């Protein structure tokens, strides 16, 4: 099983054990993680799996509705969205916000 970066800290592990952790990840998550961090602490290990990032749709509150896209809005709702006041996110007040 490849295509997975494995970082082992705090000790050493045999390749067979590392492959077993990869196999466990696929069984548990249904996919190979992009990275596994294994922290060895005596006889115990701490596993941290890093899966591929999942795509998500942005949700916004527009005209009182939670929406991801405007494609299901009728003409009246589209006009309402078009005419709404959009507030700036920056500040032109002259203060240093760093």
Protein backbone atom coordinates (compact mmCIF):
# COMPACT_ATOMS: atom_id res chain seq x y z
CA UNK A 1 0.00 0.00 0.00
CA UNK A 2 1.60 3.23 -1.12
CA UNK A 3 0.69 6.84 -1.85
CA UNK A 4 0.63 7.54 1.88
CA UNK A 5 3.31 9.47 3.75
CA UNK A 6 4.08 7.87 7.11
CA UNK A 7 5.95 9.81 9.81
CA UNK A 8 7.15 7.82 12.82
CA UNK A 9 8.42 9.71 15.88
CA UNK A 10 9.58 8.54 19.30
CA UNK A 11 10.87 5.18 18.12
CA UNK A 12 11.00 2.73 15.26
CA UNK A 13 8.37 0.38 13.83
CA UNK A 14 8.74 -2.60 11.53
CA UNK A 15 7.48 -2.12 7.96
CA UNK A 16 4.90 -4.88 8.51
CA UNK A 17 3.33 -2.94 11.41
CA UNK A 18 3.24 0.29 9.36
CA UNK A 19 1.49 -1.58 6.53
CA UNK A 20 -1.04 -2.90 9.06
CA UNK A 21 -1.83 0.68 10.15
CA UNK A 22 -2.34 1.67 6.51
CA UNK A 23 -4.68 -1.29 5.97
CA UNK A 24 -6.61 -0.39 9.14
CA UNK A 25 -7.04 3.17 7.86
CA UNK A 26 -8.52 1.97 4.56
CA UNK A 27 -10.90 -0.37 6.42
CA UNK A 28 -11.91 2.37 8.86
CA UNK A 29 -12.22 5.34 6.46
CA UNK A 30 -12.79 3.67 3.09
CA UNK A 31 -9.77 5.39 1.57
CA UNK A 32 -6.03 5.61 1.95
CA UNK A 33 -5.04 8.66 4.03
CA UNK A 34 -2.65 11.09 2.44
CA UNK A 35 -0.52 10.96 5.61
CA UNK A 36 -0.29 9.00 8.88
CA UNK A 37 1.64 10.35 11.88
CA UNK A 38 2.63 7.61 14.32
CA UNK A 39 3.98 8.61 17.72
CA UNK A 40 5.65 5.70 19.51
CA UNK A 41 5.40 5.82 23.31
CA UNK A 42 6.93 2.65 24.73
CA UNK A 43 4.55 -0.21 23.92
CA UNK A 44 1.79 2.14 22.74
CA UNK A 45 1.35 4.17 19.58
CA UNK A 46 -0.70 7.27 18.88
CA UNK A 47 -2.08 7.41 15.35
CA UNK A 48 -3.14 10.56 13.56
CA UNK A 49 -4.67 10.13 10.12
CA UNK A 50 -4.76 12.98 7.59
CA UNK A 51 -7.42 12.28 4.97
CA UNK A 52 -7.82 14.11 1.69
CA UNK A 53 -9.71 17.33 2.19
CA UNK A 54 -13.37 17.13 1.29
CA UNK A 55 -15.07 19.64 -0.95
CA UNK A 56 -17.89 21.55 0.70
CA UNK A 57 -20.33 24.11 -0.60
CA UNK A 58 -20.31 27.55 0.92
CA UNK A 59 -23.54 28.31 2.77
CA UNK A 60 -24.65 31.94 3.10
CA UNK A 61 -27.63 33.67 4.62
CA UNK A 62 -29.25 35.67 1.84
CA UNK A 63 -32.57 37.44 2.26
CA UNK A 64 -33.40 35.29 5.29
CA UNK A 65 -32.56 31.93 3.65
CA UNK A 66 -29.54 29.67 4.05
CA UNK A 67 -28.36 28.91 0.53
CA UNK A 68 -25.35 27.49 -1.24
CA UNK A 69 -26.24 28.79 -4.70
CA UNK A 70 -28.90 31.03 -6.14
CA UNK A 71 -29.94 28.64 -8.91
CA UNK A 72 -33.18 27.62 -7.14
CA UNK A 73 -34.30 31.21 -6.50
CA UNK A 74 -37.23 32.53 -8.53
CA UNK A 75 -37.01 35.90 -10.31
CA UNK A 76 -38.32 37.86 -7.32
CA UNK A 77 -35.76 36.35 -4.92
CA UNK A 78 -32.97 36.92 -7.46
CA UNK A 79 -33.99 40.58 -7.73
CA UNK A 80 -34.11 40.86 -3.92
CA UNK A 81 -30.58 39.41 -3.69
CA UNK A 82 -29.35 41.74 -6.43
CA UNK A 83 -30.77 44.82 -4.67
CA UNK A 84 -29.58 44.01 -1.15
CA UNK A 85 -26.94 46.15 0.55
CA UNK A 86 -23.60 44.38 0.59
CA UNK A 87 -21.36 45.47 3.44
CA UNK A 88 -17.60 45.78 3.05
CA UNK A 89 -15.45 43.45 5.12
CA UNK A 90 -12.46 45.81 5.40
CA UNK A 91 -12.01 48.87 7.53
CA UNK A 92 -10.99 52.26 6.12
CA UNK A 93 -10.84 53.85 9.55
CA UNK A 94 -7.09 54.54 9.55
CA UNK A 95 -6.32 52.19 12.45
CA UNK A 96 -3.54 49.63 12.27
CA UNK A 97 -5.22 46.24 12.89
CA UNK A 98 -2.06 44.15 12.57
